[in-house]
């Protein structure tokens, strides 16, 4: 089993082409865990584990920055949707 802590981080508010990045808030201040084992790859954050592809794992480990179209933001939104769904039960 291979585990790596992931610290999602914000970049400056605007990308060079004028695209706005997500706002900074406590919602984005957490530690994630990237897990690789024989059965697959997983990302754990905010009490939820989700299966991810080997490519997503590579991207989140090499670039944990939260900005539009990043793997870090995509995984963050998947986890947030599951948390919101669980809160509605």
PDB file of N, CA and C in Angstrom:
ATOM      1  N   UNK A   1       0.841  -1.167   0.000  1.00  0.00           N
ATOM      2  CA  UNK A   1       0.000   0.000   0.000  1.00  0.00           C
ATOM      3  C   UNK A   1       0.897   1.245   0.000  1.00  0.00           C
ATOM      4  N   UNK A   2       0.549   2.201  -0.809  1.00  0.00           N
ATOM      5  CA  UNK A   2       1.288   3.449  -0.931  1.00  0.00           C
ATOM      6  C   UNK A   2       0.336   4.598  -0.587  1.00  0.00           C
ATOM      7  N   UNK A   3       0.699   5.402   0.407  1.00  0.00           N
ATOM      8  CA  UNK A   3      -0.158   6.501   0.865  1.00  0.00           C
ATOM      9  C   UNK A   3       0.625   7.806   0.797  1.00  0.00           C
ATOM     10  N   UNK A   4      -0.046   8.869   0.371  1.00  0.00           N
ATOM     11  CA  UNK A   4       0.574  10.195   0.332  1.00  0.00           C
ATOM     12  C   UNK A   4      -0.437  11.231   0.792  1.00  0.00           C
ATOM     13  N   UNK A   5      -0.027  12.100   1.714  1.00  0.00           N
ATOM     14  CA  UNK A   5      -0.886  13.200   2.141  1.00  0.00           C
ATOM     15  C   UNK A   5      -0.930  14.258   1.050  1.00  0.00           C
ATOM     16  N   UNK A   6      -2.113  14.819   0.829  1.00  0.00           N
ATOM     17  CA  UNK A   6      -2.315  15.847  -0.184  1.00  0.00           C
ATOM     18  C   UNK A   6      -2.819  17.101   0.517  1.00  0.00           C
ATOM     19  N   UNK A   7      -2.186  18.208   0.246  1.00  0.00           N
ATOM     20  CA  UNK A   7      -2.591  19.486   0.814  1.00  0.00           C
ATOM     21  C   UNK A   7      -3.118  20.370  -0.313  1.00  0.00           C
ATOM     22  N   UNK A   8      -4.442  20.333  -0.557  1.00  0.00           N
ATOM     23  CA  UNK A   8      -4.985  21.192  -1.614  1.00  0.00           C
ATOM     24  C   UNK A   8      -4.642  22.652  -1.325  1.00  0.00           C
ATOM     25  N   UNK A   9      -4.285  23.396  -2.342  1.00  0.00           N
ATOM     26  CA  UNK A   9      -3.905  24.788  -2.134  1.00  0.00           C
ATOM     27  C   UNK A   9      -4.499  25.681  -3.217  1.00  0.00           C
ATOM     28  N   UNK A  10      -4.755  26.902  -2.819  1.00  0.00           N
ATOM     29  CA  UNK A  10      -5.284  27.891  -3.751  1.00  0.00           C
ATOM     30  C   UNK A  10      -4.159  28.610  -4.463  1.00  0.00           C
ATOM     31  N   UNK A  11      -4.436  29.019  -5.659  1.00  0.00           N
ATOM     32  CA  UNK A  11      -3.530  29.875  -6.405  1.00  0.00           C
ATOM     33  C   UNK A  11      -4.083  31.298  -6.346  1.00  0.00           C
ATOM     34  N   UNK A  12      -3.468  32.205  -7.045  1.00  0.00           N
ATOM     35  CA  UNK A  12      -3.986  33.563  -7.076  1.00  0.00           C
ATOM     36  C   UNK A  12      -5.399  33.548  -7.648  1.00  0.00           C
ATOM     37  N   UNK A  13      -6.163  34.609  -7.382  1.00  0.00           N
ATOM     38  CA  UNK A  13      -7.578  34.637  -7.729  1.00  0.00           C
ATOM     39  C   UNK A  13      -7.875  34.583  -9.218  1.00  0.00           C
ATOM     40  N   UNK A  14      -6.970  35.084 -10.047  1.00  0.00           N
ATOM     41  CA  UNK A  14      -7.255  35.130 -11.478  1.00  0.00           C
ATOM     42  C   UNK A  14      -6.165  34.425 -12.270  1.00  0.00           C
ATOM     43  N   UNK A  15      -6.577  33.696 -13.270  1.00  0.00           N
ATOM     44  CA  UNK A  15      -5.648  33.062 -14.192  1.00  0.00           C
ATOM     45  C   UNK A  15      -5.243  34.130 -15.201  1.00  0.00           C
ATOM     46  N   UNK A  16      -4.121  33.961 -15.852  1.00  0.00           N
ATOM     47  CA  UNK A  16      -3.638  34.949 -16.809  1.00  0.00           C
ATOM     48  C   UNK A  16      -4.635  35.314 -17.892  1.00  0.00           C
ATOM     49  N   UNK A  17      -5.508  34.383 -18.271  1.00  0.00           N
ATOM     50  CA  UNK A  17      -6.460  34.681 -19.342  1.00  0.00           C
ATOM     51  C   UNK A  17      -7.754  35.309 -18.831  1.00  0.00           C
ATOM     52  N   UNK A  18      -7.816  35.661 -17.532  1.00  0.00           N
ATOM     53  CA  UNK A  18      -8.995  36.320 -16.975  1.00  0.00           C
ATOM     54  C   UNK A  18      -9.997  35.374 -16.341  1.00  0.00           C
ATOM     55  N   UNK A  19      -9.716  34.070 -16.325  1.00  0.00           N
ATOM     56  CA  UNK A  19     -10.611  33.102 -15.717  1.00  0.00           C
ATOM     57  C   UNK A  19     -10.490  33.186 -14.196  1.00  0.00           C
ATOM     58  N   UNK A  20     -11.626  33.266 -13.500  1.00  0.00           N
ATOM     59  CA  UNK A  20     -11.604  33.356 -12.044  1.00  0.00           C
ATOM     60  C   UNK A  20     -11.456  31.972 -11.433  1.00  0.00           C
ATOM     61  N   UNK A  21     -10.612  31.867 -10.414  1.00  0.00           N
ATOM     62  CA  UNK A  21     -10.418  30.627  -9.679  1.00  0.00           C
ATOM     63  C   UNK A  21     -11.396  30.569  -8.511  1.00  0.00           C
ATOM     64  N   UNK A  22     -11.570  29.390  -7.887  1.00  0.00           N
ATOM     65  CA  UNK A  22     -12.487  29.290  -6.745  1.00  0.00           C
ATOM     66  C   UNK A  22     -12.058  30.202  -5.600  1.00  0.00           C
ATOM     67  N   UNK A  23     -13.033  30.705  -4.877  1.00  0.00           N
ATOM     68  CA  UNK A  23     -12.727  31.598  -3.758  1.00  0.00           C
ATOM     69  C   UNK A  23     -12.077  30.823  -2.622  1.00  0.00           C
ATOM     70  N   UNK A  24     -11.207  31.510  -1.878  1.00  0.00           N
ATOM     71  CA  UNK A  24     -10.546  30.898  -0.730  1.00  0.00           C
ATOM     72  C   UNK A  24     -11.535  30.859   0.434  1.00  0.00           C
ATOM     73  N   UNK A  25     -11.612  29.724   1.115  1.00  0.00           N
ATOM     74  CA  UNK A  25     -12.476  29.598   2.279  1.00  0.00           C
ATOM     75  C   UNK A  25     -12.053  28.361   3.064  1.00  0.00           C
ATOM     76  N   UNK A  26     -12.615  28.192   4.255  1.00  0.00           N
ATOM     77  CA  UNK A  26     -12.312  27.017   5.068  1.00  0.00           C
ATOM     78  C   UNK A  26     -12.793  25.734   4.404  1.00  0.00           C
ATOM     79  N   UNK A  27     -13.754  25.854   3.497  1.00  0.00           N
ATOM     80  CA  UNK A  27     -14.258  24.687   2.777  1.00  0.00           C
ATOM     81  C   UNK A  27     -13.132  23.978   2.020  1.00  0.00           C
ATOM     82  N   UNK A  28     -12.130  24.734   1.591  1.00  0.00           N
ATOM     83  CA  UNK A  28     -11.029  24.181   0.810  1.00  0.00           C
ATOM     84  C   UNK A  28      -9.785  23.925   1.653  1.00  0.00           C
ATOM     85  N   UNK A  29      -9.875  24.128   2.973  1.00  0.00           N
ATOM     86  CA  UNK A  29      -8.722  23.977   3.853  1.00  0.00           C
ATOM     87  C   UNK A  29      -8.804  22.619   4.562  1.00  0.00           C
ATOM     88  N   UNK A  30      -8.207  21.596   3.983  1.00  0.00           N
ATOM     89  CA  UNK A  30      -8.231  20.252   4.548  1.00  0.00           C
ATOM     90  C   UNK A  30      -7.048  19.455   4.010  1.00  0.00           C
ATOM     91  N   UNK A  31      -6.854  18.277   4.574  1.00  0.00           N
ATOM     92  CA  UNK A  31      -5.803  17.371   4.106  1.00  0.00           C
ATOM     93  C   UNK A  31      -6.487  16.165   3.468  1.00  0.00           C
ATOM     94  N   UNK A  32      -6.057  15.801   2.281  1.00  0.00           N
ATOM     95  CA  UNK A  32      -6.562  14.607   1.612  1.00  0.00           C
ATOM     96  C   UNK A  32      -5.502  13.522   1.663  1.00  0.00           C
ATOM     97  N   UNK A  33      -5.914  12.302   1.385  1.00  0.00           N
ATOM     98  CA  UNK A  33      -4.984  11.173   1.369  1.00  0.00           C
ATOM     99  C   UNK A  33      -5.157  10.428   0.054  1.00  0.00           C
ATOM    100  N   UNK A  34      -4.072  10.290  -0.670  1.00  0.00           N
ATOM    101  CA  UNK A  34      -4.051   9.520  -1.903  1.00  0.00           C
ATOM    102  C   UNK A  34      -3.563   8.111  -1.561  1.00  0.00           C
ATOM    103  N   UNK A  35      -4.387   7.103  -1.879  1.00  0.00           N
ATOM    104  CA  UNK A  35      -4.090   5.722  -1.500  1.00  0.00           C
ATOM    105  C   UNK A  35      -3.972   4.858  -2.750  1.00  0.00           C
ATOM    106  N   UNK A  36      -2.906   4.110  -2.814  1.00  0.00           N
ATOM    107  CA  UNK A  36      -2.709   3.151  -3.905  1.00  0.00           C
ATOM    108  C   UNK A  36      -2.515   1.781  -3.275  1.00  0.00           C
ATOM    109  N   UNK A  37      -3.349   0.825  -3.691  1.00  0.00           N
ATOM    110  CA  UNK A  37      -3.188  -0.552  -3.225  1.00  0.00           C
ATOM    111  C   UNK A  37      -3.490  -1.490  -4.378  1.00  0.00           C
ATOM    112  N   UNK A  38      -3.349  -2.772  -4.140  1.00  0.00           N
ATOM    113  CA  UNK A  38      -3.526  -3.745  -5.224  1.00  0.00           C
ATOM    114  C   UNK A  38      -4.907  -3.669  -5.864  1.00  0.00           C
ATOM    115  N   UNK A  39      -5.933  -3.394  -5.077  1.00  0.00           N
ATOM    116  CA  UNK A  39      -7.300  -3.373  -5.603  1.00  0.00           C
ATOM    117  C   UNK A  39      -7.634  -2.103  -6.371  1.00  0.00           C
ATOM    118  N   UNK A  40      -6.838  -1.055  -6.219  1.00  0.00           N
ATOM    119  CA  UNK A  40      -7.136   0.173  -6.943  1.00  0.00           C
ATOM    120  C   UNK A  40      -6.538   1.404  -6.299  1.00  0.00           C
ATOM    121  N   UNK A  41      -7.030   2.557  -6.744  1.00  0.00           N
ATOM    122  CA  UNK A  41      -6.567   3.857  -6.272  1.00  0.00           C
ATOM    123  C   UNK A  41      -7.755   4.581  -5.642  1.00  0.00           C
ATOM    124  N   UNK A  42      -7.475   5.295  -4.535  1.00  0.00           N
ATOM    125  CA  UNK A  42      -8.542   5.972  -3.811  1.00  0.00           C
ATOM    126  C   UNK A  42      -8.059   7.338  -3.347  1.00  0.00           C
ATOM    127  N   UNK A  43      -9.027   8.222  -3.145  1.00  0.00           N
ATOM    128  CA  UNK A  43      -8.736   9.531  -2.574  1.00  0.00           C
ATOM    129  C   UNK A  43      -9.669   9.700  -1.391  1.00  0.00           C
ATOM    130  N   UNK A  44      -9.112  10.031  -0.231  1.00  0.00           N
ATOM    131  CA  UNK A  44      -9.871  10.179   0.997  1.00  0.00           C
ATOM    132  C   UNK A  44      -9.739  11.612   1.478  1.00  0.00           C
ATOM    133  N   UNK A  45     -10.875  12.246   1.736  1.00  0.00           N
ATOM    134  CA  UNK A  45     -10.880  13.606   2.277  1.00  0.00           C
ATOM    135  C   UNK A  45     -12.237  13.870   2.923  1.00  0.00           C
ATOM    136  N   UNK A  46     -12.233  14.628   3.989  1.00  0.00           N
ATOM    137  CA  UNK A  46     -13.460  15.045   4.673  1.00  0.00           C
ATOM    138  C   UNK A  46     -14.334  13.856   5.077  1.00  0.00           C
ATOM    139  N   UNK A  47     -13.692  12.729   5.426  1.00  0.00           N
ATOM    140  CA  UNK A  47     -14.432  11.569   5.900  1.00  0.00           C
ATOM    141  C   UNK A  47     -15.019  10.684   4.818  1.00  0.00           C
ATOM    142  N   UNK A  48     -14.673  10.929   3.571  1.00  0.00           N
ATOM    143  CA  UNK A  48     -15.211  10.162   2.449  1.00  0.00           C
ATOM    144  C   UNK A  48     -14.068   9.666   1.579  1.00  0.00           C
ATOM    145  N   UNK A  49     -14.146   8.391   1.184  1.00  0.00           N
ATOM    146  CA  UNK A  49     -13.171   7.805   0.261  1.00  0.00           C
ATOM    147  C   UNK A  49     -13.870   7.545  -1.073  1.00  0.00           C
ATOM    148  N   UNK A  50     -13.205   7.915  -2.155  1.00  0.00           N
ATOM    149  CA  UNK A  50     -13.763   7.673  -3.487  1.00  0.00           C
ATOM    150  C   UNK A  50     -12.724   6.943  -4.333  1.00  0.00           C
ATOM    151  N   UNK A  51     -13.181   6.055  -5.205  1.00  0.00           N
ATOM    152  CA  UNK A  51     -12.231   5.419  -6.129  1.00  0.00           C
ATOM    153  C   UNK A  51     -11.809   6.420  -7.202  1.00  0.00           C
ATOM    154  N   UNK A  52     -10.545   6.383  -7.571  1.00  0.00           N
ATOM    155  CA  UNK A  52     -10.033   7.260  -8.621  1.00  0.00           C
ATOM    156  C   UNK A  52      -9.195   6.427  -9.578  1.00  0.00           C
ATOM    157  N   UNK A  53      -8.914   6.978 -10.736  1.00  0.00           N
ATOM    158  CA  UNK A  53      -8.076   6.284 -11.707  1.00  0.00           C
ATOM    159  C   UNK A  53      -6.599   6.499 -11.361  1.00  0.00           C
ATOM    160  N   UNK A  54      -5.741   5.692 -11.952  1.00  0.00           N
ATOM    161  CA  UNK A  54      -4.295   5.861 -11.754  1.00  0.00           C
ATOM    162  C   UNK A  54      -3.858   7.231 -12.271  1.00  0.00           C
ATOM    163  N   UNK A  55      -4.457   7.688 -13.360  1.00  0.00           N
ATOM    164  CA  UNK A  55      -4.116   8.995 -13.915  1.00  0.00           C
ATOM    165  C   UNK A  55      -4.541  10.124 -12.976  1.00  0.00           C
ATOM    166  N   UNK A  56      -5.736  10.030 -12.380  1.00  0.00           N
ATOM    167  CA  UNK A  56      -6.174  11.044 -11.415  1.00  0.00           C
ATOM    168  C   UNK A  56      -5.249  11.063 -10.210  1.00  0.00           C
ATOM    169  N   UNK A  57      -4.799   9.886  -9.790  1.00  0.00           N
ATOM    170  CA  UNK A  57      -3.880   9.834  -8.655  1.00  0.00           C
ATOM    171  C   UNK A  57      -2.566  10.531  -8.975  1.00  0.00           C
ATOM    172  N   UNK A  58      -2.049  10.283 -10.141  1.00  0.00           N
ATOM    173  CA  UNK A  58      -0.816  10.952 -10.562  1.00  0.00           C
ATOM    174  C   UNK A  58      -1.005  12.468 -10.569  1.00  0.00           C
ATOM    175  N   UNK A  59      -2.116  12.928 -11.127  1.00  0.00           N
ATOM    176  CA  UNK A  59      -2.379  14.370 -11.207  1.00  0.00           C
ATOM    177  C   UNK A  59      -2.542  15.005  -9.832  1.00  0.00           C
ATOM    178  N   UNK A  60      -3.285  14.356  -8.926  1.00  0.00           N
ATOM    179  CA  UNK A  60      -3.509  14.951  -7.604  1.00  0.00           C
ATOM    180  C   UNK A  60      -2.220  14.972  -6.788  1.00  0.00           C
ATOM    181  N   UNK A  61      -1.363  13.986  -7.006  1.00  0.00           N
ATOM    182  CA  UNK A  61      -0.093  13.951  -6.266  1.00  0.00           C
ATOM    183  C   UNK A  61       0.903  14.984  -6.802  1.00  0.00           C
ATOM    184  N   UNK A  62       0.889  15.232  -8.081  1.00  0.00           N
ATOM    185  CA  UNK A  62       1.861  16.175  -8.649  1.00  0.00           C
ATOM    186  C   UNK A  62       1.350  17.604  -8.691  1.00  0.00           C
ATOM    187  N   UNK A  63       0.025  17.791  -8.654  1.00  0.00           N
ATOM    188  CA  UNK A  63      -0.535  19.141  -8.727  1.00  0.00           C
ATOM    189  C   UNK A  63      -1.791  19.233  -7.869  1.00  0.00           C
ATOM    190  N   UNK A  64      -1.646  19.460  -6.546  1.00  0.00           N
ATOM    191  CA  UNK A  64      -2.810  19.538  -5.663  1.00  0.00           C
ATOM    192  C   UNK A  64      -3.458  20.924  -5.617  1.00  0.00           C
ATOM    193  N   UNK A  65      -3.243  21.721  -6.633  1.00  0.00           N
ATOM    194  CA  UNK A  65      -3.764  23.088  -6.631  1.00  0.00           C
ATOM    195  C   UNK A  65      -5.230  23.108  -7.072  1.00  0.00           C
ATOM    196  N   UNK A  66      -6.035  23.888  -6.332  1.00  0.00           N
ATOM    197  CA  UNK A  66      -7.453  24.016  -6.629  1.00  0.00           C
ATOM    198  C   UNK A  66      -7.673  25.172  -7.599  1.00  0.00           C
ATOM    199  N   UNK A  67      -7.985  24.865  -8.822  1.00  0.00           N
ATOM    200  CA  UNK A  67      -8.366  25.876  -9.806  1.00  0.00           C
ATOM    201  C   UNK A  67      -9.241  25.189 -10.840  1.00  0.00           C
ATOM    202  N   UNK A  68      -9.993  25.966 -11.582  1.00  0.00           N
ATOM    203  CA  UNK A  68     -10.938  25.388 -12.528  1.00  0.00           C
ATOM    204  C   UNK A  68     -10.254  24.442 -13.491  1.00  0.00           C
ATOM    205  N   UNK A  69     -10.877  23.289 -13.697  1.00  0.00           N
ATOM    206  CA  UNK A  69     -10.440  22.217 -14.589  1.00  0.00           C
ATOM    207  C   UNK A  69      -9.267  21.403 -14.031  1.00  0.00           C
ATOM    208  N   UNK A  70      -8.880  21.616 -12.768  1.00  0.00           N
ATOM    209  CA  UNK A  70      -7.811  20.798 -12.187  1.00  0.00           C
ATOM    210  C   UNK A  70      -8.406  19.517 -11.614  1.00  0.00           C
ATOM    211  N   UNK A  71      -7.588  18.487 -11.528  1.00  0.00           N
ATOM    212  CA  UNK A  71      -8.026  17.227 -10.921  1.00  0.00           C
ATOM    213  C   UNK A  71      -8.347  17.437  -9.452  1.00  0.00           C
ATOM    214  N   UNK A  72      -7.580  18.272  -8.761  1.00  0.00           N
ATOM    215  CA  UNK A  72      -7.833  18.544  -7.342  1.00  0.00           C
ATOM    216  C   UNK A  72      -9.238  19.110  -7.144  1.00  0.00           C
ATOM    217  N   UNK A  73      -9.640  20.047  -7.982  1.00  0.00           N
ATOM    218  CA  UNK A  73     -10.976  20.628  -7.850  1.00  0.00           C
ATOM    219  C   UNK A  73     -12.042  19.605  -8.232  1.00  0.00           C
ATOM    220  N   UNK A  74     -11.795  18.816  -9.261  1.00  0.00           N
ATOM    221  CA  UNK A  74     -12.751  17.796  -9.683  1.00  0.00           C
ATOM    222  C   UNK A  74     -13.004  16.798  -8.544  1.00  0.00           C
ATOM    223  N   UNK A  75     -11.946  16.337  -7.881  1.00  0.00           N
ATOM    224  CA  UNK A  75     -12.110  15.407  -6.769  1.00  0.00           C
ATOM    225  C   UNK A  75     -12.781  16.085  -5.579  1.00  0.00           C
ATOM    226  N   UNK A  76     -12.433  17.332  -5.331  1.00  0.00           N
ATOM    227  CA  UNK A  76     -13.063  18.095  -4.249  1.00  0.00           C
ATOM    228  C   UNK A  76     -14.576  18.169  -4.475  1.00  0.00           C
ATOM    229  N   UNK A  77     -14.996  18.463  -5.698  1.00  0.00           N
ATOM    230  CA  UNK A  77     -16.418  18.591  -6.002  1.00  0.00           C
ATOM    231  C   UNK A  77     -17.140  17.243  -5.902  1.00  0.00           C
ATOM    232  N   UNK A  78     -16.482  16.157  -6.291  1.00  0.00           N
ATOM    233  CA  UNK A  78     -17.084  14.826  -6.145  1.00  0.00           C
ATOM    234  C   UNK A  78     -17.323  14.500  -4.672  1.00  0.00           C
ATOM    235  N   UNK A  79     -16.335  14.790  -3.843  1.00  0.00           N
ATOM    236  CA  UNK A  79     -16.472  14.529  -2.406  1.00  0.00           C
ATOM    237  C   UNK A  79     -17.534  15.440  -1.805  1.00  0.00           C
ATOM    238  N   UNK A  80     -17.553  16.694  -2.201  1.00  0.00           N
ATOM    239  CA  UNK A  80     -18.550  17.626  -1.661  1.00  0.00           C
ATOM    240  C   UNK A  80     -19.963  17.189  -2.035  1.00  0.00           C
ATOM    241  N   UNK A  81     -20.155  16.695  -3.255  1.00  0.00           N
ATOM    242  CA  UNK A  81     -21.472  16.225  -3.683  1.00  0.00           C
ATOM    243  C   UNK A  81     -21.915  15.033  -2.840  1.00  0.00           C
ATOM    244  N   UNK A  82     -21.001  14.118  -2.531  1.00  0.00           N
ATOM    245  CA  UNK A  82     -21.339  12.978  -1.677  1.00  0.00           C
ATOM    246  C   UNK A  82     -21.656  13.423  -0.264  1.00  0.00           C
ATOM    247  N   UNK A  83     -20.930  14.404   0.245  1.00  0.00           N
ATOM    248  CA  UNK A  83     -21.223  14.942   1.592  1.00  0.00           C
ATOM    249  C   UNK A  83     -22.582  15.614   1.622  1.00  0.00           C
ATOM    250  N   UNK A  84     -22.886  16.391   0.593  1.00  0.00           N
ATOM    251  CA  UNK A  84     -24.191  17.062   0.525  1.00  0.00           C
ATOM    252  C   UNK A  84     -25.309  16.044   0.437  1.00  0.00           C
ATOM    253  N   UNK A  85     -25.089  14.984  -0.333  1.00  0.00           N
ATOM    254  CA  UNK A  85     -26.082  13.921  -0.472  1.00  0.00           C
ATOM    255  C   UNK A  85     -26.307  13.228   0.876  1.00  0.00           C
ATOM    256  N   UNK A  86     -25.233  12.957   1.600  1.00  0.00           N
ATOM    257  CA  UNK A  86     -25.346  12.302   2.907  1.00  0.00           C
ATOM    258  C   UNK A  86     -26.043  13.211   3.923  1.00  0.00           C
ATOM    259  N   UNK A  87     -25.811  14.516   3.838  1.00  0.00           N
ATOM    260  CA  UNK A  87     -26.455  15.462   4.747  1.00  0.00           C
ATOM    261  C   UNK A  87     -27.953  15.517   4.510  1.00  0.00           C
ATOM    262  N   UNK A  88     -28.380  15.232   3.296  1.00  0.00           N
ATOM    263  CA  UNK A  88     -29.799  15.291   2.964  1.00  0.00           C
ATOM    264  C   UNK A  88     -30.582  14.059   3.409  1.00  0.00           C
ATOM    265  N   UNK A  89     -29.898  13.037   3.892  1.00  0.00           N
ATOM    266  CA  UNK A  89     -30.602  11.812   4.311  1.00  0.00           C
ATOM    267  C   UNK A  89     -31.235  11.964   5.660  1.00  0.00           C
TER     268      UNK A  89
END
